[in-house]
Amino acid sequence: MASDLNRVLLSGRLGADPERRRTRRPCAVFRVAANHLECGGEHAEWFRIVTWDALAEGCLEALRRGAPVMILGRLQTRIWVDQATRQERSVVEVVASFVLDARGGRSWSDGDVSEPEWEAAAAALAAMNADLDAALDAPPTPPALPEPSGEWTPQWEAGPPVRDPAAIRRCRAARRAFFERWGHLVRPRRFSEIRRFLPGVDEPTTAEGWNLLAEQMAAAVAARVPAFSVEDLPAYLAGVSAAA
């Protein structure tokens, strides 16, 4: 179908030198580590890259462990039977169409499709990473909580604190909903982790306070992560000239 799309764009570093495989056609296999931010730290996701023919020969000749690369390709699932256990096994790998040595400036193609403008794509990726780094270095200040209306009198001055079971249940439900939405960013579920995104906030004691905190968290996360949609991908691979 014309609407189907199987395209992968990666940037990362080689975990080891490319390995030549014994096949009828030249074939080289290597692994690439792509870093991403998760729970306030940097984590590496490993991808198995397969190259063929002239593309494989170029990678075997020039690429070495630790080399920064940009890769354009497609995903494929390879299935085989393990001769030792007689069990079916599978692996998901990226079949590369283009490989760019970001440090040396050389690039290789499988020759089946036209090569995109790598320099413009690399510049656009660098600009996007710079914007993200700047946003992470200077997190936005959360909106101020609304000031209470009228003169506030501490509860204990008028007598013992009054505990409303219904209000406590609503507060716990709102807190649980907050961490179900944002728990992947603040694991373990400690309120101190939230201050990485919203410096200076205090832990709410009401359901309304947790709901307001959820809105502030959504605004802070949206401001730290630049938007990038699938519709931007064709212009991005063509040098982002159309997006400009």
Protein backbone atom coordinates (compact mmCIF):
# COMPACT_ATOMS: atom_id res chain seq x y z
CA MET A 1 0.00 0.00 0.00
CA ALA A 2 1.22 3.49 -0.81
CA SER A 3 0.42 4.72 2.73
CA ASP A 4 2.71 2.20 4.43
CA LEU A 5 6.05 3.44 5.73
CA ASN A 6 8.98 1.45 7.10
CA ARG A 7 11.80 3.97 7.64
CA VAL A 8 14.30 4.33 10.48
CA LEU A 9 16.65 7.26 11.15
CA LEU A 10 19.33 6.68 13.81
CA SER A 11 22.32 8.53 15.17
CA GLY A 12 24.75 6.98 17.64
CA ARG A 13 28.12 5.32 18.07
CA LEU A 14 29.46 1.92 17.06
CA GLY A 15 29.83 -0.54 19.92
CA ALA A 16 32.46 -2.59 18.02
CA ASP A 17 34.16 -2.82 14.63
CA PRO A 18 31.89 -4.01 11.77
CA GLU A 19 32.01 -7.80 11.24
CA ARG A 20 32.12 -9.43 7.80
CA ARG A 21 29.64 -12.27 7.30
CA ARG A 22 30.19 -15.19 4.95
CA THR A 23 27.48 -14.77 2.35
CA ARG A 24 27.34 -14.73 -1.45
CA ARG A 25 27.12 -10.95 -1.37
CA PRO A 26 29.34 -8.69 0.75
CA CYS A 27 27.68 -8.26 4.14
CA ALA A 28 28.73 -6.37 7.28
CA VAL A 29 26.98 -6.34 10.67
CA PHE A 30 27.58 -3.96 13.58
CA ARG A 31 25.78 -2.54 16.62
CA VAL A 32 24.97 1.11 17.29
CA ALA A 33 24.18 2.65 20.68
CA ALA A 34 21.70 5.56 20.60
CA ASN A 35 21.43 7.50 23.87
CA HIS A 36 18.18 8.89 25.24
CA LEU A 37 17.03 10.60 28.45
CA GLU A 38 15.01 8.56 30.93
CA CYS A 39 14.27 9.29 34.60
CA GLY A 40 16.75 12.16 34.64
CA GLY A 41 19.65 10.05 33.31
CA GLU A 42 21.10 9.00 29.97
CA HIS A 43 20.50 5.45 28.77
CA ALA A 44 21.71 3.62 25.66
CA GLU A 45 19.46 1.64 23.29
CA TRP A 46 21.34 -0.88 21.11
CA PHE A 47 20.42 -1.54 17.47
CA ARG A 48 21.76 -4.28 15.21
CA ILE A 49 22.65 -2.83 11.78
CA VAL A 50 22.98 -4.95 8.59
CA THR A 51 24.62 -3.59 5.43
CA TRP A 52 25.10 -5.16 1.98
CA ASP A 53 27.28 -4.83 -1.13
CA ALA A 54 29.18 -1.53 -1.60
CA LEU A 55 27.64 -0.14 1.56
CA ALA A 56 29.05 -3.07 3.53
CA GLU A 57 32.49 -2.72 1.95
CA GLY A 58 32.64 0.98 2.82
CA CYS A 59 31.65 0.34 6.45
CA LEU A 60 34.21 -2.47 6.81
CA GLU A 61 36.95 -0.24 5.43
CA ALA A 62 36.29 3.04 7.30
CA LEU A 63 34.16 2.50 10.42
CA ARG A 64 35.67 1.52 13.76
CA ARG A 65 34.46 1.15 17.31
CA GLY A 66 33.21 4.44 18.83
CA ALA A 67 32.68 6.14 15.45
CA PRO A 68 29.63 8.50 15.41
CA VAL A 69 27.27 7.58 12.58
CA MET A 70 23.89 8.50 11.12
CA ILE A 71 21.91 5.64 9.56
CA LEU A 72 18.85 5.57 7.34
CA GLY A 73 17.21 2.20 6.74
CA ARG A 74 14.24 -0.08 7.39
CA LEU A 75 13.28 -2.56 10.10
CA GLN A 76 13.13 -6.28 9.41
CA THR A 77 12.47 -9.34 11.59
CA ARG A 78 14.68 -12.35 10.88
CA ILE A 79 13.53 -15.80 12.04
CA TRP A 80 15.61 -18.97 12.23
CA VAL A 81 15.73 -22.33 14.06
CA ASP A 82 18.44 -22.84 16.67
CA GLN A 83 20.21 -26.10 15.74
CA ALA A 84 21.22 -26.76 19.36
CA THR A 85 17.80 -26.34 21.00
CA ARG A 86 15.54 -26.86 17.95
CA GLN A 87 13.65 -23.74 19.00
CA GLU A 88 12.56 -20.90 16.74
CA ARG A 89 14.34 -17.64 17.40
CA SER A 90 13.94 -14.14 15.99
CA VAL A 91 15.79 -10.81 15.97
CA VAL A 92 14.76 -7.31 14.89
CA GLU A 93 17.46 -5.50 12.92
CA VAL A 94 17.89 -2.39 10.78
CA VAL A 95 18.80 -2.96 7.12
CA ALA A 96 20.73 0.20 6.25
CA SER A 97 20.27 2.15 3.01
CA PHE A 98 22.62 5.01 3.92
CA VAL A 99 25.43 5.31 6.45
CA LEU A 100 27.16 8.59 7.26
CA ASP A 101 30.43 8.77 9.17
CA ALA A 102 29.66 11.93 11.18
CA ARG A 103 33.30 12.36 12.19
CA GLY A 104 34.97 11.75 8.82
CA GLY A 105 32.20 13.18 6.62
CA ARG A 106 32.08 10.12 4.33
CA SER A 107 28.83 8.42 3.41
CA TRP A 108 27.82 5.21 1.62
CA SER A 109 24.61 4.14 -0.10
CA ASP A 110 23.16 0.85 -1.32
CA GLY A 111 22.41 2.52 -4.68
CA ASP A 112 18.72 1.61 -4.77
CA VAL A 113 17.44 5.06 -3.79
CA SER A 114 18.71 8.60 -4.08
CA GLU A 115 20.83 9.82 -1.18
CA PRO A 116 19.35 12.67 0.92
CA GLU A 117 21.25 15.83 1.75
CA TRP A 118 23.19 14.51 4.73
CA GLU A 119 24.82 17.82 5.62
CA ALA A 120 21.48 19.59 5.94
CA ALA A 121 19.98 16.65 7.84
CA ALA A 122 22.97 16.54 10.21
CA ALA A 123 22.74 20.31 10.77
CA ALA A 124 19.03 20.04 11.51
CA LEU A 125 19.64 17.18 13.97
CA ALA A 126 22.43 19.17 15.67
CA ALA A 127 20.16 22.22 15.98
CA MET A 128 17.37 20.07 17.45
CA ASN A 129 19.79 18.54 19.99
CA ALA A 130 21.11 22.01 20.89
CA ASP A 131 17.58 23.27 21.52
CA LEU A 132 16.85 20.22 23.71
CA ASP A 133 20.11 20.63 25.66
CA ALA A 134 19.35 24.32 26.26
CA ALA A 135 15.85 23.47 27.47
CA LEU A 136 17.20 20.81 29.83
CA ASP A 137 19.91 23.13 31.17
CA ALA A 138 17.37 25.87 31.93
CA PRO A 139 14.07 24.20 32.95
CA PRO A 140 11.11 26.57 32.88
CA THR A 141 9.81 28.11 36.09
CA PRO A 142 6.40 26.64 36.96
CA PRO A 143 3.41 28.98 37.16
CA ALA A 144 2.79 30.39 40.62
CA LEU A 145 0.05 28.80 42.65
CA PRO A 146 -3.00 31.06 43.10
CA GLU A 147 -3.06 33.16 46.25
CA PRO A 148 -5.78 32.25 48.76
CA SER A 149 -8.70 34.63 48.80
CA GLY A 150 -9.33 36.59 51.99
CA GLU A 151 -7.47 36.34 55.27
CA TRP A 152 -6.23 32.86 56.06
CA THR A 153 -6.45 31.58 59.63
CA PRO A 154 -4.59 28.42 60.67
CA GLN A 155 -7.00 25.61 61.48
CA TRP A 156 -5.42 24.89 64.85
CA GLU A 157 -6.17 28.43 66.11
CA ALA A 158 -9.91 27.75 65.90
CA GLY A 159 -9.69 24.24 67.36
CA PRO A 160 -8.35 20.79 66.45
CA PRO A 161 -7.87 19.98 62.73
CA VAL A 162 -10.94 18.64 60.99
CA ARG A 163 -10.33 15.55 58.85
CA ASP A 164 -12.84 15.02 56.05
CA PRO A 165 -12.68 11.36 54.89
CA ALA A 166 -14.18 12.24 51.50
CA ALA A 167 -11.57 14.97 50.91
CA ILE A 168 -8.78 12.58 51.90
CA ARG A 169 -10.06 9.97 49.43
CA ARG A 170 -10.23 12.56 46.65
CA CYS A 171 -6.68 13.73 47.44
CA ARG A 172 -5.34 10.17 47.35
CA ALA A 173 -7.14 9.48 44.07
CA ALA A 174 -5.73 12.66 42.51
CA ARG A 175 -2.21 11.79 43.74
CA ARG A 176 -2.54 8.26 42.31
CA ALA A 177 -3.73 9.66 38.96
CA PHE A 178 -0.78 12.08 38.89
CA PHE A 179 1.82 9.33 39.33
CA GLU A 180 0.04 7.03 36.86
CA ARG A 181 0.47 9.79 34.27
CA TRP A 182 3.98 10.99 35.20
CA GLY A 183 5.44 8.07 37.15
CA HIS A 184 7.74 7.11 34.24
CA LEU A 185 9.61 10.41 34.74
CA VAL A 186 9.71 10.50 38.55
CA ARG A 187 10.49 6.90 39.49
CA PRO A 188 10.63 5.96 42.28
CA ARG A 189 7.47 7.87 43.12
CA ARG A 190 9.06 10.47 45.35
CA PHE A 191 7.84 14.03 45.42
CA SER A 192 11.44 15.30 45.50
CA GLU A 193 11.88 13.99 41.93
CA ILE A 194 9.13 16.35 40.74
CA ARG A 195 11.28 19.34 41.67
CA ARG A 196 13.61 18.49 38.75
CA PHE A 197 10.76 19.66 36.51
CA LEU A 198 9.02 22.13 38.84
CA PRO A 199 11.61 23.73 41.14
CA GLY A 200 10.31 25.05 44.44
CA VAL A 201 6.87 23.42 44.48
CA ASP A 202 5.40 21.94 47.68
CA GLU A 203 3.54 18.66 47.91
CA PRO A 204 -0.22 19.30 47.59
CA THR A 205 -2.60 18.27 50.36
CA THR A 206 -5.83 18.48 48.36
CA ALA A 207 -7.22 16.93 45.20
CA GLU A 208 -7.38 20.38 43.58
CA GLY A 209 -3.70 20.93 44.34
CA TRP A 210 -2.70 17.62 42.67
CA ASN A 211 -4.81 18.45 39.62
CA LEU A 212 -3.12 21.87 39.31
CA LEU A 213 0.29 20.23 39.75
CA ALA A 214 -0.54 17.81 36.90
CA GLU A 215 -1.28 20.78 34.60
CA GLN A 216 2.01 22.45 35.58
CA MET A 217 3.89 19.19 34.98
CA ALA A 218 2.39 18.83 31.50
CA ALA A 219 3.40 22.39 30.61
CA ALA A 220 6.95 21.89 31.93
CA VAL A 221 7.50 18.62 30.05
CA ALA A 222 6.07 20.08 26.83
CA ALA A 223 8.47 23.02 27.10
CA ARG A 224 11.50 20.75 27.60
CA VAL A 225 10.87 18.35 24.67
CA PRO A 226 10.75 19.90 21.15
CA ALA A 227 7.85 18.69 19.00
CA PHE A 228 8.72 16.44 16.03
CA SER A 229 5.96 14.67 14.10
CA VAL A 230 5.93 12.05 11.35
CA GLU A 231 4.72 14.70 8.90
CA ASP A 232 8.06 16.50 9.32
CA LEU A 233 10.10 13.42 8.30
CA PRO A 234 10.05 13.81 4.46
CA ALA A 235 11.19 17.43 4.64
CA TYR A 236 13.73 16.52 7.32
CA LEU A 237 15.34 13.80 5.16
CA ALA A 238 15.37 16.10 2.12
CA GLY A 239 17.39 18.72 3.94
CA VAL A 240 14.46 20.34 5.77
CA SER A 241 14.21 22.88 2.97
CA ALA A 242 10.44 22.42 2.75
CA ALA A 243 10.05 23.00 6.50
CA ALA A 244 11.99 26.25 6.27
